[in-house]
N, C-alpha and C. Protein backbone atom coordinates (compact mmCIF):
# COMPACT_ATOMS: atom_id res chain seq x y z
N MET A 1 0.85 -1.20 0.00
CA MET A 1 0.00 0.00 0.00
C MET A 1 0.89 1.24 0.00
N SER A 2 0.61 2.16 -0.91
CA SER A 2 1.39 3.38 -1.03
C SER A 2 1.01 4.37 0.07
N VAL A 3 2.03 4.98 0.69
CA VAL A 3 1.80 5.96 1.75
C VAL A 3 1.98 7.36 1.17
N ILE A 4 0.96 8.18 1.28
CA ILE A 4 1.01 9.56 0.80
C ILE A 4 0.86 10.47 2.01
N ALA A 5 1.84 11.35 2.18
CA ALA A 5 1.83 12.29 3.30
C ALA A 5 1.46 13.68 2.78
N LEU A 6 0.40 14.25 3.30
CA LEU A 6 -0.01 15.62 2.96
C LEU A 6 0.53 16.54 4.04
N LEU A 7 1.49 17.37 3.68
CA LEU A 7 2.11 18.29 4.64
C LEU A 7 1.35 19.61 4.65
N VAL A 8 0.81 19.97 5.80
CA VAL A 8 0.07 21.23 5.92
C VAL A 8 0.67 22.07 7.03
N LEU A 9 0.74 23.36 6.79
CA LEU A 9 1.24 24.31 7.78
C LEU A 9 0.14 25.29 8.14
N ASP A 10 0.39 26.10 9.14
CA ASP A 10 -0.62 27.05 9.60
C ASP A 10 -0.97 28.01 8.46
N GLY A 11 -2.27 28.26 8.28
CA GLY A 11 -2.72 29.14 7.20
C GLY A 11 -3.00 28.41 5.91
N VAL A 12 -3.10 27.08 5.96
CA VAL A 12 -3.40 26.31 4.74
C VAL A 12 -4.82 26.62 4.28
N PRO A 13 -5.04 26.86 2.97
CA PRO A 13 -6.41 27.02 2.47
C PRO A 13 -7.19 25.73 2.71
N ALA A 14 -8.41 25.84 3.18
CA ALA A 14 -9.19 24.66 3.55
C ALA A 14 -9.35 23.69 2.39
N HIS A 15 -9.54 24.22 1.17
CA HIS A 15 -9.76 23.32 0.03
C HIS A 15 -8.50 22.53 -0.31
N GLN A 16 -7.32 23.08 0.01
CA GLN A 16 -6.09 22.34 -0.25
C GLN A 16 -5.86 21.27 0.81
N LEU A 17 -6.53 21.39 1.93
CA LEU A 17 -6.47 20.36 2.95
C LEU A 17 -7.41 19.20 2.62
N THR A 18 -8.57 19.49 2.04
CA THR A 18 -9.57 18.45 1.81
C THR A 18 -9.48 17.80 0.43
N THR A 19 -8.99 18.54 -0.57
CA THR A 19 -9.00 18.01 -1.94
C THR A 19 -8.20 16.72 -2.11
N PRO A 20 -6.98 16.60 -1.57
CA PRO A 20 -6.24 15.33 -1.76
C PRO A 20 -7.01 14.12 -1.24
N GLY A 21 -7.68 14.26 -0.10
CA GLY A 21 -8.45 13.14 0.43
C GLY A 21 -9.60 12.77 -0.48
N LEU A 22 -10.26 13.77 -1.06
CA LEU A 22 -11.38 13.51 -1.96
C LEU A 22 -10.90 12.81 -3.24
N VAL A 23 -9.77 13.29 -3.78
CA VAL A 23 -9.24 12.71 -5.01
C VAL A 23 -8.80 11.27 -4.78
N LEU A 24 -8.05 11.04 -3.72
CA LEU A 24 -7.55 9.69 -3.45
C LEU A 24 -8.68 8.73 -3.13
N ASP A 25 -9.71 9.23 -2.47
CA ASP A 25 -10.85 8.38 -2.18
C ASP A 25 -11.54 7.95 -3.47
N ALA A 26 -11.65 8.89 -4.41
CA ALA A 26 -12.28 8.56 -5.69
C ALA A 26 -11.46 7.53 -6.46
N VAL A 27 -10.12 7.67 -6.41
CA VAL A 27 -9.25 6.72 -7.10
C VAL A 27 -9.34 5.35 -6.45
N ALA A 28 -9.33 5.34 -5.11
CA ALA A 28 -9.34 4.07 -4.38
C ALA A 28 -10.61 3.27 -4.62
N ARG A 29 -11.71 3.95 -4.94
CA ARG A 29 -12.98 3.24 -5.17
C ARG A 29 -12.88 2.30 -6.37
N GLY A 30 -12.00 2.64 -7.31
CA GLY A 30 -11.86 1.80 -8.49
C GLY A 30 -10.75 0.77 -8.38
N ALA A 31 -10.08 0.73 -7.21
CA ALA A 31 -8.98 -0.22 -7.02
C ALA A 31 -9.40 -1.30 -6.03
N SER A 32 -8.76 -2.45 -6.15
CA SER A 32 -9.04 -3.54 -5.21
C SER A 32 -8.19 -3.38 -3.98
N GLY A 33 -8.76 -3.62 -2.81
CA GLY A 33 -8.01 -3.51 -1.56
C GLY A 33 -7.75 -2.06 -1.19
N ASP A 34 -6.81 -1.86 -0.28
CA ASP A 34 -6.45 -0.52 0.17
C ASP A 34 -5.34 0.03 -0.72
N ALA A 35 -5.69 0.95 -1.60
CA ALA A 35 -4.72 1.47 -2.56
C ALA A 35 -3.77 2.48 -1.93
N TYR A 36 -4.26 3.25 -0.97
CA TYR A 36 -3.46 4.32 -0.41
C TYR A 36 -3.67 4.43 1.10
N GLU A 37 -2.61 4.89 1.76
CA GLU A 37 -2.75 5.40 3.12
C GLU A 37 -2.43 6.89 3.05
N LEU A 38 -3.38 7.72 3.39
CA LEU A 38 -3.18 9.17 3.37
C LEU A 38 -2.92 9.64 4.79
N ARG A 39 -1.77 10.25 5.01
CA ARG A 39 -1.43 10.82 6.30
C ARG A 39 -1.51 12.34 6.24
N ILE A 40 -2.28 12.92 7.10
CA ILE A 40 -2.30 14.38 7.24
C ILE A 40 -1.22 14.73 8.25
N CYS A 41 -0.17 15.39 7.79
CA CYS A 41 0.97 15.74 8.64
C CYS A 41 0.98 17.26 8.82
N ALA A 42 0.68 17.72 10.02
CA ALA A 42 0.58 19.15 10.28
C ALA A 42 1.74 19.61 11.15
N VAL A 43 2.29 20.77 10.83
CA VAL A 43 3.38 21.37 11.61
C VAL A 43 3.02 22.83 11.84
N PRO A 44 2.70 23.20 13.11
CA PRO A 44 2.56 22.35 14.29
C PRO A 44 1.38 21.38 14.13
N ARG A 45 1.22 20.48 15.11
CA ARG A 45 0.21 19.43 14.98
C ARG A 45 -1.20 20.01 14.84
N THR A 46 -1.46 21.16 15.45
CA THR A 46 -2.75 21.85 15.32
C THR A 46 -2.55 23.12 14.50
N VAL A 47 -3.28 23.23 13.39
CA VAL A 47 -3.16 24.39 12.50
C VAL A 47 -4.53 25.02 12.30
N THR A 48 -4.51 26.26 11.83
CA THR A 48 -5.75 26.98 11.51
C THR A 48 -5.76 27.28 10.02
N THR A 49 -6.85 26.96 9.36
CA THR A 49 -6.94 27.20 7.92
C THR A 49 -7.08 28.69 7.64
N ALA A 50 -6.82 29.06 6.39
CA ALA A 50 -6.86 30.46 5.98
C ALA A 50 -8.29 30.99 6.00
N GLU A 51 -8.41 32.31 6.12
CA GLU A 51 -9.70 32.97 5.98
C GLU A 51 -10.19 32.85 4.53
N PRO A 52 -11.50 32.94 4.30
CA PRO A 52 -12.57 33.12 5.27
C PRO A 52 -12.98 31.80 5.91
N ALA A 53 -13.75 31.89 6.97
CA ALA A 53 -14.26 30.72 7.68
C ALA A 53 -13.13 29.81 8.14
N ALA A 54 -12.20 30.39 8.90
CA ALA A 54 -11.04 29.64 9.38
C ALA A 54 -11.48 28.52 10.31
N LEU A 55 -10.81 27.37 10.18
CA LEU A 55 -11.10 26.21 11.01
C LEU A 55 -9.82 25.76 11.70
N THR A 56 -9.95 25.23 12.90
CA THR A 56 -8.81 24.67 13.62
C THR A 56 -8.81 23.16 13.43
N VAL A 57 -7.67 22.63 12.98
CA VAL A 57 -7.56 21.20 12.66
C VAL A 57 -6.37 20.62 13.40
N THR A 58 -6.57 19.49 14.08
CA THR A 58 -5.49 18.76 14.73
C THR A 58 -5.25 17.46 13.96
N ALA A 59 -4.02 17.27 13.48
CA ALA A 59 -3.69 16.12 12.65
C ALA A 59 -3.17 14.96 13.50
N ASP A 60 -3.26 13.76 12.93
CA ASP A 60 -2.75 12.58 13.61
C ASP A 60 -1.23 12.48 13.53
N TRP A 61 -0.64 13.16 12.55
CA TRP A 61 0.79 13.07 12.32
C TRP A 61 1.42 14.47 12.35
N GLY A 62 2.69 14.51 12.74
CA GLY A 62 3.51 15.69 12.59
C GLY A 62 4.48 15.46 11.45
N VAL A 63 5.63 16.14 11.51
CA VAL A 63 6.61 16.01 10.43
C VAL A 63 7.17 14.60 10.33
N GLU A 64 7.07 13.81 11.42
CA GLU A 64 7.58 12.43 11.38
C GLU A 64 6.81 11.56 10.40
N GLY A 65 5.61 11.98 10.02
CA GLY A 65 4.82 11.21 9.08
C GLY A 65 5.41 11.16 7.68
N LEU A 66 6.37 12.06 7.40
CA LEU A 66 7.00 12.07 6.08
C LEU A 66 8.07 10.99 5.94
N GLU A 67 8.53 10.43 7.08
CA GLU A 67 9.73 9.59 7.07
C GLU A 67 9.59 8.35 6.21
N SER A 68 8.45 7.70 6.21
CA SER A 68 8.29 6.47 5.43
C SER A 68 7.30 6.63 4.28
N ALA A 69 7.03 7.87 3.90
CA ALA A 69 6.06 8.12 2.83
C ALA A 69 6.67 7.85 1.46
N ASP A 70 5.85 7.38 0.55
CA ASP A 70 6.27 7.21 -0.84
C ASP A 70 6.10 8.50 -1.64
N THR A 71 5.11 9.29 -1.24
CA THR A 71 4.84 10.56 -1.90
C THR A 71 4.54 11.60 -0.82
N VAL A 72 5.11 12.78 -0.97
CA VAL A 72 4.82 13.90 -0.09
C VAL A 72 4.13 14.99 -0.91
N VAL A 73 2.95 15.40 -0.47
CA VAL A 73 2.22 16.48 -1.14
C VAL A 73 2.24 17.69 -0.21
N VAL A 74 2.75 18.81 -0.71
CA VAL A 74 2.89 20.01 0.09
C VAL A 74 1.75 20.97 -0.24
N ALA A 75 0.96 21.32 0.75
CA ALA A 75 -0.14 22.27 0.54
C ALA A 75 0.36 23.70 0.67
N GLY A 76 -0.34 24.63 0.03
CA GLY A 76 0.00 26.04 0.17
C GLY A 76 -0.37 26.55 1.55
N HIS A 77 0.11 27.74 1.89
CA HIS A 77 -0.24 28.34 3.18
C HIS A 77 0.08 29.83 3.13
N ASP A 78 -0.55 30.59 4.00
CA ASP A 78 -0.43 32.05 3.98
C ASP A 78 1.00 32.52 4.22
N GLY A 79 1.76 31.79 5.01
CA GLY A 79 3.11 32.24 5.36
C GLY A 79 4.19 31.68 4.47
N PHE A 80 3.88 31.44 3.18
CA PHE A 80 4.86 30.76 2.32
C PHE A 80 6.12 31.58 2.10
N LEU A 81 6.09 32.89 2.36
CA LEU A 81 7.29 33.70 2.21
C LEU A 81 8.18 33.67 3.45
N ASP A 82 7.68 33.14 4.55
CA ASP A 82 8.45 33.07 5.78
C ASP A 82 9.27 31.78 5.81
N GLU A 83 10.22 31.72 6.74
CA GLU A 83 10.97 30.49 6.94
C GLU A 83 10.02 29.40 7.42
N PRO A 84 10.13 28.18 6.90
CA PRO A 84 9.25 27.09 7.35
C PRO A 84 9.57 26.72 8.79
N PRO A 85 8.64 26.09 9.49
CA PRO A 85 8.89 25.65 10.86
C PRO A 85 10.10 24.71 10.93
N ALA A 86 10.70 24.65 12.10
CA ALA A 86 11.89 23.82 12.29
C ALA A 86 11.62 22.38 11.89
N GLY A 87 12.54 21.81 11.16
CA GLY A 87 12.46 20.41 10.77
C GLY A 87 11.77 20.14 9.46
N VAL A 88 11.01 21.11 8.94
CA VAL A 88 10.23 20.86 7.72
C VAL A 88 11.13 20.78 6.50
N ALA A 89 12.01 21.76 6.30
CA ALA A 89 12.90 21.75 5.14
C ALA A 89 13.80 20.52 5.16
N GLU A 90 14.30 20.17 6.33
CA GLU A 90 15.16 18.99 6.44
C GLU A 90 14.39 17.72 6.09
N ALA A 91 13.14 17.62 6.54
CA ALA A 91 12.33 16.44 6.23
C ALA A 91 12.06 16.33 4.74
N LEU A 92 11.85 17.46 4.07
CA LEU A 92 11.62 17.44 2.62
C LEU A 92 12.90 17.05 1.87
N ARG A 93 14.04 17.57 2.34
CA ARG A 93 15.31 17.19 1.71
C ARG A 93 15.55 15.69 1.86
N ASP A 94 15.27 15.17 3.05
CA ASP A 94 15.44 13.73 3.28
C ASP A 94 14.52 12.92 2.36
N ALA A 95 13.29 13.41 2.19
CA ALA A 95 12.34 12.70 1.33
C ALA A 95 12.84 12.66 -0.12
N VAL A 96 13.33 13.80 -0.61
CA VAL A 96 13.86 13.85 -1.97
C VAL A 96 15.09 12.96 -2.09
N GLY A 97 15.94 12.98 -1.07
CA GLY A 97 17.16 12.19 -1.10
C GLY A 97 16.93 10.70 -1.19
N ARG A 98 15.85 10.21 -0.64
CA ARG A 98 15.59 8.77 -0.71
C ARG A 98 14.71 8.39 -1.90
N GLY A 99 14.47 9.34 -2.78
CA GLY A 99 13.72 9.06 -3.99
C GLY A 99 12.22 9.22 -3.87
N CYS A 100 11.78 9.86 -2.80
CA CYS A 100 10.35 10.09 -2.61
C CYS A 100 9.85 11.13 -3.61
N ARG A 101 8.65 10.90 -4.13
CA ARG A 101 8.04 11.91 -4.99
C ARG A 101 7.52 13.06 -4.15
N VAL A 102 7.76 14.30 -4.61
CA VAL A 102 7.29 15.49 -3.91
C VAL A 102 6.43 16.29 -4.87
N ALA A 103 5.22 16.59 -4.45
CA ALA A 103 4.28 17.33 -5.29
C ALA A 103 3.70 18.48 -4.48
N ALA A 104 2.92 19.31 -5.14
CA ALA A 104 2.31 20.45 -4.46
C ALA A 104 0.84 20.55 -4.85
N VAL A 105 0.02 20.98 -3.91
CA VAL A 105 -1.39 21.27 -4.17
C VAL A 105 -1.47 22.74 -4.53
N GLY A 106 -1.91 23.05 -5.74
CA GLY A 106 -2.01 24.44 -6.15
C GLY A 106 -0.63 25.05 -6.27
N THR A 107 -0.51 26.35 -5.96
CA THR A 107 0.75 27.04 -6.00
C THR A 107 0.90 27.81 -4.72
N GLY A 108 2.04 28.50 -4.59
CA GLY A 108 2.27 29.25 -3.37
C GLY A 108 3.02 28.46 -2.35
N THR A 109 3.39 27.24 -2.64
CA THR A 109 4.14 26.45 -1.69
C THR A 109 5.62 26.67 -1.89
N PHE A 110 6.39 26.40 -0.86
CA PHE A 110 7.83 26.48 -1.01
C PHE A 110 8.32 25.14 -1.52
N THR A 111 9.18 25.15 -2.56
CA THR A 111 9.78 23.92 -3.09
C THR A 111 11.29 24.08 -3.17
N LEU A 112 11.84 24.98 -2.41
CA LEU A 112 13.27 25.23 -2.46
C LEU A 112 14.06 23.99 -2.06
N ALA A 113 13.56 23.22 -1.10
CA ALA A 113 14.28 22.03 -0.68
C ALA A 113 14.44 21.06 -1.84
N ASP A 114 13.37 20.90 -2.62
CA ASP A 114 13.41 20.00 -3.78
C ASP A 114 14.37 20.52 -4.84
N ILE A 115 14.29 21.82 -5.14
CA ILE A 115 15.16 22.41 -6.15
C ILE A 115 16.61 22.32 -5.72
N ALA A 116 16.88 22.64 -4.47
CA ALA A 116 18.26 22.60 -3.99
C ALA A 116 18.82 21.18 -4.04
N ALA A 117 18.00 20.20 -3.70
CA ALA A 117 18.47 18.82 -3.73
C ALA A 117 18.85 18.39 -5.15
N HIS A 118 18.03 18.76 -6.13
CA HIS A 118 18.33 18.41 -7.51
C HIS A 118 19.60 19.12 -8.00
N ALA A 119 19.84 20.34 -7.50
CA ALA A 119 21.03 21.10 -7.89
C ALA A 119 22.25 20.73 -7.05
N ARG A 120 22.06 19.80 -6.11
CA ARG A 120 23.14 19.38 -5.20
C ARG A 120 23.70 20.56 -4.42
N LEU A 121 22.79 21.39 -3.93
CA LEU A 121 23.14 22.56 -3.13
C LEU A 121 22.33 22.52 -1.85
N SER A 122 22.80 23.24 -0.85
CA SER A 122 21.98 23.47 0.33
C SER A 122 21.00 24.59 0.00
N VAL A 123 19.92 24.66 0.77
CA VAL A 123 18.95 25.74 0.55
C VAL A 123 19.63 27.10 0.76
N ARG A 124 20.51 27.19 1.73
CA ARG A 124 21.21 28.46 1.99
C ARG A 124 22.06 28.87 0.80
N THR A 125 22.79 27.91 0.21
CA THR A 125 23.63 28.23 -0.95
C THR A 125 22.77 28.62 -2.14
N LEU A 126 21.67 27.91 -2.35
CA LEU A 126 20.75 28.26 -3.45
C LEU A 126 20.24 29.68 -3.27
N ASN A 127 19.82 30.03 -2.07
CA ASN A 127 19.35 31.39 -1.81
C ASN A 127 20.45 32.41 -2.10
N ARG A 128 21.67 32.13 -1.67
CA ARG A 128 22.76 33.09 -1.84
C ARG A 128 23.09 33.30 -3.32
N ARG A 129 23.15 32.21 -4.08
CA ARG A 129 23.48 32.34 -5.50
C ARG A 129 22.36 33.00 -6.28
N PHE A 130 21.14 32.68 -5.92
CA PHE A 130 19.99 33.30 -6.61
C PHE A 130 19.97 34.80 -6.33
N ARG A 131 20.22 35.18 -5.08
CA ARG A 131 20.22 36.60 -4.73
C ARG A 131 21.35 37.34 -5.45
N ALA A 132 22.51 36.69 -5.58
CA ALA A 132 23.63 37.32 -6.27
C ALA A 132 23.30 37.58 -7.73
N HIS A 133 22.50 36.71 -8.34
CA HIS A 133 22.16 36.84 -9.75
C HIS A 133 21.01 37.81 -10.00
N THR A 134 20.03 37.82 -9.09
CA THR A 134 18.80 38.60 -9.34
C THR A 134 18.61 39.78 -8.38
N GLY A 135 19.34 39.77 -7.25
CA GLY A 135 19.12 40.80 -6.24
C GLY A 135 17.99 40.47 -5.29
N LEU A 136 17.36 39.31 -5.47
CA LEU A 136 16.23 38.90 -4.65
C LEU A 136 16.41 37.44 -4.24
N SER A 137 15.76 37.06 -3.14
CA SER A 137 15.70 35.65 -2.80
C SER A 137 14.72 34.97 -3.75
N PRO A 138 14.76 33.64 -3.89
CA PRO A 138 13.80 32.97 -4.78
C PRO A 138 12.35 33.28 -4.42
N LEU A 139 12.03 33.33 -3.13
CA LEU A 139 10.64 33.60 -2.75
C LEU A 139 10.26 35.05 -3.01
N GLN A 140 11.21 35.98 -2.82
CA GLN A 140 10.92 37.38 -3.14
C GLN A 140 10.70 37.55 -4.65
N TYR A 141 11.51 36.85 -5.43
CA TYR A 141 11.37 36.91 -6.88
C TYR A 141 10.02 36.35 -7.31
N LEU A 142 9.62 35.23 -6.70
CA LEU A 142 8.33 34.63 -7.01
C LEU A 142 7.19 35.57 -6.65
N LEU A 143 7.29 36.21 -5.48
CA LEU A 143 6.24 37.14 -5.07
C LEU A 143 6.14 38.30 -6.04
N ARG A 144 7.28 38.85 -6.46
CA ARG A 144 7.25 39.98 -7.40
C ARG A 144 6.63 39.57 -8.72
N ALA A 145 6.97 38.35 -9.20
CA ALA A 145 6.40 37.88 -10.46
C ALA A 145 4.88 37.73 -10.34
N ARG A 146 4.41 37.22 -9.22
CA ARG A 146 2.97 37.05 -9.03
C ARG A 146 2.26 38.40 -8.97
N LEU A 147 2.86 39.36 -8.28
CA LEU A 147 2.23 40.68 -8.18
C LEU A 147 2.25 41.40 -9.53
N ASP A 148 3.32 41.23 -10.30
CA ASP A 148 3.38 41.84 -11.63
C ASP A 148 2.26 41.28 -12.51
N ARG A 149 2.06 39.96 -12.44
CA ARG A 149 0.99 39.36 -13.24
C ARG A 149 -0.37 39.83 -12.74
N ALA A 150 -0.51 39.96 -11.42
CA ALA A 150 -1.78 40.43 -10.87
C ALA A 150 -2.09 41.84 -11.37
N ARG A 151 -1.08 42.71 -11.42
CA ARG A 151 -1.32 44.06 -11.93
C ARG A 151 -1.79 44.03 -13.38
N ARG A 152 -1.19 43.17 -14.18
CA ARG A 152 -1.61 43.09 -15.59
C ARG A 152 -3.05 42.60 -15.70
N LEU A 153 -3.42 41.64 -14.87
CA LEU A 153 -4.80 41.16 -14.91
C LEU A 153 -5.77 42.23 -14.44
N LEU A 154 -5.40 42.97 -13.41
CA LEU A 154 -6.27 44.04 -12.92
C LEU A 154 -6.44 45.13 -13.98
N GLU A 155 -5.41 45.36 -14.77
CA GLU A 155 -5.47 46.40 -15.79
C GLU A 155 -6.25 45.98 -17.03
N HIS A 156 -6.17 44.69 -17.39
CA HIS A 156 -6.68 44.27 -18.70
C HIS A 156 -7.84 43.29 -18.65
N ASP A 157 -8.09 42.67 -17.51
CA ASP A 157 -9.19 41.70 -17.42
C ASP A 157 -10.22 42.22 -16.42
N GLN A 158 -11.10 43.07 -16.91
CA GLN A 158 -12.07 43.70 -16.03
C GLN A 158 -13.14 42.74 -15.54
N ASP A 159 -13.27 41.59 -16.17
CA ASP A 159 -14.30 40.63 -15.76
C ASP A 159 -13.83 39.72 -14.62
N ALA A 160 -12.53 39.64 -14.39
CA ALA A 160 -12.01 38.75 -13.34
C ALA A 160 -12.23 39.38 -11.97
N THR A 161 -12.72 38.59 -11.03
CA THR A 161 -12.87 39.07 -9.66
C THR A 161 -11.52 39.05 -8.95
N ILE A 162 -11.44 39.74 -7.82
CA ILE A 162 -10.21 39.74 -7.03
C ILE A 162 -9.88 38.31 -6.59
N GLU A 163 -10.88 37.54 -6.22
CA GLU A 163 -10.67 36.16 -5.81
C GLU A 163 -10.12 35.33 -6.97
N ASP A 164 -10.66 35.54 -8.18
CA ASP A 164 -10.17 34.81 -9.36
C ASP A 164 -8.70 35.12 -9.61
N ILE A 165 -8.35 36.38 -9.51
CA ILE A 165 -6.97 36.80 -9.78
C ILE A 165 -6.03 36.21 -8.73
N ALA A 166 -6.46 36.20 -7.47
CA ALA A 166 -5.63 35.62 -6.42
C ALA A 166 -5.28 34.18 -6.73
N VAL A 167 -6.26 33.41 -7.19
CA VAL A 167 -6.02 32.00 -7.52
C VAL A 167 -5.14 31.89 -8.75
N ARG A 168 -5.39 32.70 -9.77
CA ARG A 168 -4.66 32.58 -11.03
C ARG A 168 -3.19 32.92 -10.90
N VAL A 169 -2.85 33.84 -9.99
CA VAL A 169 -1.44 34.20 -9.85
C VAL A 169 -0.73 33.40 -8.76
N GLY A 170 -1.48 32.56 -8.03
CA GLY A 170 -0.81 31.62 -7.14
C GLY A 170 -0.82 31.92 -5.66
N PHE A 171 -1.72 32.81 -5.20
CA PHE A 171 -1.81 33.05 -3.77
C PHE A 171 -2.73 32.01 -3.13
N GLY A 172 -2.42 31.66 -1.87
CA GLY A 172 -3.21 30.66 -1.18
C GLY A 172 -4.61 31.12 -0.83
N SER A 173 -4.82 32.45 -0.73
CA SER A 173 -6.13 32.99 -0.41
C SER A 173 -6.20 34.42 -0.91
N SER A 174 -7.42 34.93 -1.07
CA SER A 174 -7.58 36.32 -1.51
C SER A 174 -7.11 37.28 -0.43
N ALA A 175 -7.22 36.88 0.85
CA ALA A 175 -6.75 37.74 1.94
C ALA A 175 -5.24 37.91 1.86
N SER A 176 -4.52 36.83 1.59
CA SER A 176 -3.07 36.91 1.43
C SER A 176 -2.70 37.78 0.24
N PHE A 177 -3.41 37.62 -0.87
CA PHE A 177 -3.17 38.44 -2.06
C PHE A 177 -3.36 39.92 -1.74
N ARG A 178 -4.47 40.26 -1.09
CA ARG A 178 -4.74 41.67 -0.77
C ARG A 178 -3.65 42.24 0.13
N ARG A 179 -3.20 41.46 1.11
CA ARG A 179 -2.18 41.95 2.04
C ARG A 179 -0.86 42.23 1.31
N HIS A 180 -0.41 41.29 0.50
CA HIS A 180 0.86 41.48 -0.20
C HIS A 180 0.76 42.58 -1.26
N PHE A 181 -0.40 42.68 -1.92
CA PHE A 181 -0.57 43.72 -2.94
C PHE A 181 -0.52 45.10 -2.30
N ARG A 182 -1.18 45.27 -1.16
CA ARG A 182 -1.16 46.56 -0.47
C ARG A 182 0.26 46.91 0.00
N GLN A 183 0.98 45.91 0.51
CA GLN A 183 2.35 46.16 0.95
C GLN A 183 3.24 46.60 -0.20
N ALA A 184 3.01 46.05 -1.38
CA ALA A 184 3.86 46.37 -2.53
C ALA A 184 3.48 47.67 -3.22
N THR A 185 2.19 48.02 -3.24
CA THR A 185 1.73 49.16 -4.02
C THR A 185 1.14 50.29 -3.19
N GLY A 186 0.81 50.01 -1.93
CA GLY A 186 0.14 51.02 -1.12
C GLY A 186 -1.34 51.14 -1.42
N MET A 187 -1.86 50.24 -2.25
CA MET A 187 -3.26 50.28 -2.64
C MET A 187 -3.84 48.87 -2.55
N THR A 188 -5.16 48.80 -2.36
CA THR A 188 -5.82 47.50 -2.47
C THR A 188 -5.95 47.14 -3.94
N PRO A 189 -6.11 45.87 -4.28
CA PRO A 189 -6.31 45.52 -5.69
C PRO A 189 -7.50 46.24 -6.32
N ARG A 190 -8.58 46.39 -5.56
CA ARG A 190 -9.76 47.07 -6.10
C ARG A 190 -9.47 48.54 -6.39
N ASP A 191 -8.77 49.21 -5.47
CA ASP A 191 -8.43 50.62 -5.70
C ASP A 191 -7.46 50.78 -6.88
N TYR A 192 -6.53 49.83 -6.99
CA TYR A 192 -5.58 49.88 -8.11
C TYR A 192 -6.32 49.75 -9.43
N ARG A 193 -7.25 48.82 -9.50
CA ARG A 193 -8.02 48.62 -10.73
C ARG A 193 -8.78 49.90 -11.09
N ALA A 194 -9.39 50.54 -10.08
CA ALA A 194 -10.14 51.77 -10.35
C ALA A 194 -9.23 52.89 -10.83
N ALA A 195 -8.00 52.93 -10.27
CA ALA A 195 -7.08 54.01 -10.62
C ALA A 195 -6.54 53.88 -12.04
N VAL A 196 -6.37 52.66 -12.52
CA VAL A 196 -5.79 52.47 -13.85
C VAL A 196 -6.84 52.22 -14.93
N ALA A 197 -8.11 52.18 -14.53
CA ALA A 197 -9.17 51.94 -15.52
C ALA A 197 -9.18 53.07 -16.54
N PRO A 198 -9.29 52.74 -17.83
CA PRO A 198 -9.31 53.80 -18.86
C PRO A 198 -10.53 54.70 -18.68
N ALA A 199 -10.31 55.99 -18.86
CA ALA A 199 -11.41 56.94 -18.74
C ALA A 199 -12.39 56.75 -19.88
N ALA A 200 -13.66 57.01 -19.60
CA ALA A 200 -14.69 56.90 -20.64
C ALA A 200 -14.42 57.93 -21.73
N PRO A 201 -14.53 57.53 -22.98
CA PRO A 201 -14.25 58.48 -24.08
C PRO A 201 -15.22 59.65 -24.06
N VAL A 202 -14.71 60.82 -24.35
CA VAL A 202 -15.53 62.03 -24.38
C VAL A 202 -15.90 62.33 -25.83
N ALA A 203 -17.19 62.52 -26.08
CA ALA A 203 -17.65 62.81 -27.44
C ALA A 203 -17.13 64.17 -27.90
N PRO A 204 -16.60 64.26 -29.13
CA PRO A 204 -16.08 65.54 -29.62
C PRO A 204 -17.19 66.57 -29.72
N ALA A 205 -16.82 67.82 -29.49
CA ALA A 205 -17.80 68.91 -29.59
C ALA A 205 -18.22 69.10 -31.04
N ALA A 206 -19.48 69.44 -31.24
CA ALA A 206 -20.00 69.67 -32.60
C ALA A 206 -19.41 70.94 -33.17
N THR A 207 -19.03 70.88 -34.43
CA THR A 207 -18.50 72.06 -35.10
C THR A 207 -19.40 72.41 -36.29
N ALA A 208 -19.54 73.69 -36.54
CA ALA A 208 -20.40 74.14 -37.65
C ALA A 208 -19.68 73.99 -38.97
N ARG A 209 -20.39 73.52 -40.00
CA ARG A 209 -19.81 73.40 -41.33
C ARG A 209 -19.82 74.78 -41.99
N PRO A 210 -18.83 75.05 -42.81
CA PRO A 210 -18.82 76.35 -43.51
C PRO A 210 -20.09 76.53 -44.33
N GLY A 211 -20.71 77.66 -44.16
CA GLY A 211 -21.91 77.98 -44.92
C GLY A 211 -23.17 77.41 -44.33
N ALA A 212 -23.05 76.64 -43.26
CA ALA A 212 -24.25 76.05 -42.66
C ALA A 212 -24.94 77.08 -41.80
N GLY A 213 -26.22 76.90 -41.63
CA GLY A 213 -26.97 77.80 -40.79
C GLY A 213 -26.70 77.54 -39.32
N PRO A 214 -27.31 78.28 -38.43
CA PRO A 214 -27.10 78.10 -36.99
C PRO A 214 -27.66 76.76 -36.56
N PRO A 215 -27.13 76.19 -35.47
CA PRO A 215 -27.67 74.93 -34.95
C PRO A 215 -29.15 75.05 -34.69
N GLU A 216 -29.84 73.92 -34.81
CA GLU A 216 -31.28 73.91 -34.62
C GLU A 216 -31.63 74.47 -33.27
N GLY A 217 -32.52 75.41 -33.26
CA GLY A 217 -32.95 76.01 -31.99
C GLY A 217 -32.01 77.11 -31.54
N GLY A 218 -30.90 77.34 -32.23
CA GLY A 218 -29.94 78.36 -31.81
C GLY A 218 -30.32 79.71 -32.36
N PRO A 219 -29.73 80.75 -31.85
CA PRO A 219 -30.05 82.11 -32.33
C PRO A 219 -29.50 82.34 -33.72
N SER A 220 -30.20 83.14 -34.50
CA SER A 220 -29.70 83.51 -35.83
C SER A 220 -28.99 84.84 -35.73
N ARG A 221 -28.11 85.05 -36.68
CA ARG A 221 -27.37 86.32 -36.67
C ARG A 221 -28.19 87.40 -37.35
């Protein structure tokens, strides 16, 4: 039986916590016997999901649940730009090192441990070399790219809601998107959209043709 560990951190979007279980359950229905063991591994063991309608969830496993997993699925979370909790990056590096598959639910997750392992670098060295080349850490670069794309969508896709844009550019929640956008621009996404919206065209003023009489209803000379 294949062991799949879903790693969730504080601020995980609720749908990214529930979707893997729903998908694996659907797959298992068509298989004989127990196809999968799904472990919910939370660090810390009790986490709160992202707004709106935040829920408190206590998992059966902590980071130790990754040790014998065949696949590790990393869920997004609001604090993806912060340093991960102690032991998480090391556990992911160990998983990659033993040939474990590492995947992500949605976007917004940190995968530096996986990238560094493939490059045969430590996460610290990867960060240092990336910063030397771009002037930013990998996560700062990713955030800037997401916000740049969000600005383009706000400017050119008037039909997309703020929630739609948050998902399309890779934020774990619309609240996280709004917070980072305001920090970067000093404006909310909605205010930014209003500020850059093209002004309504103004109809040109009527001009009299040479030799024409006065406008209808106007005074005659």
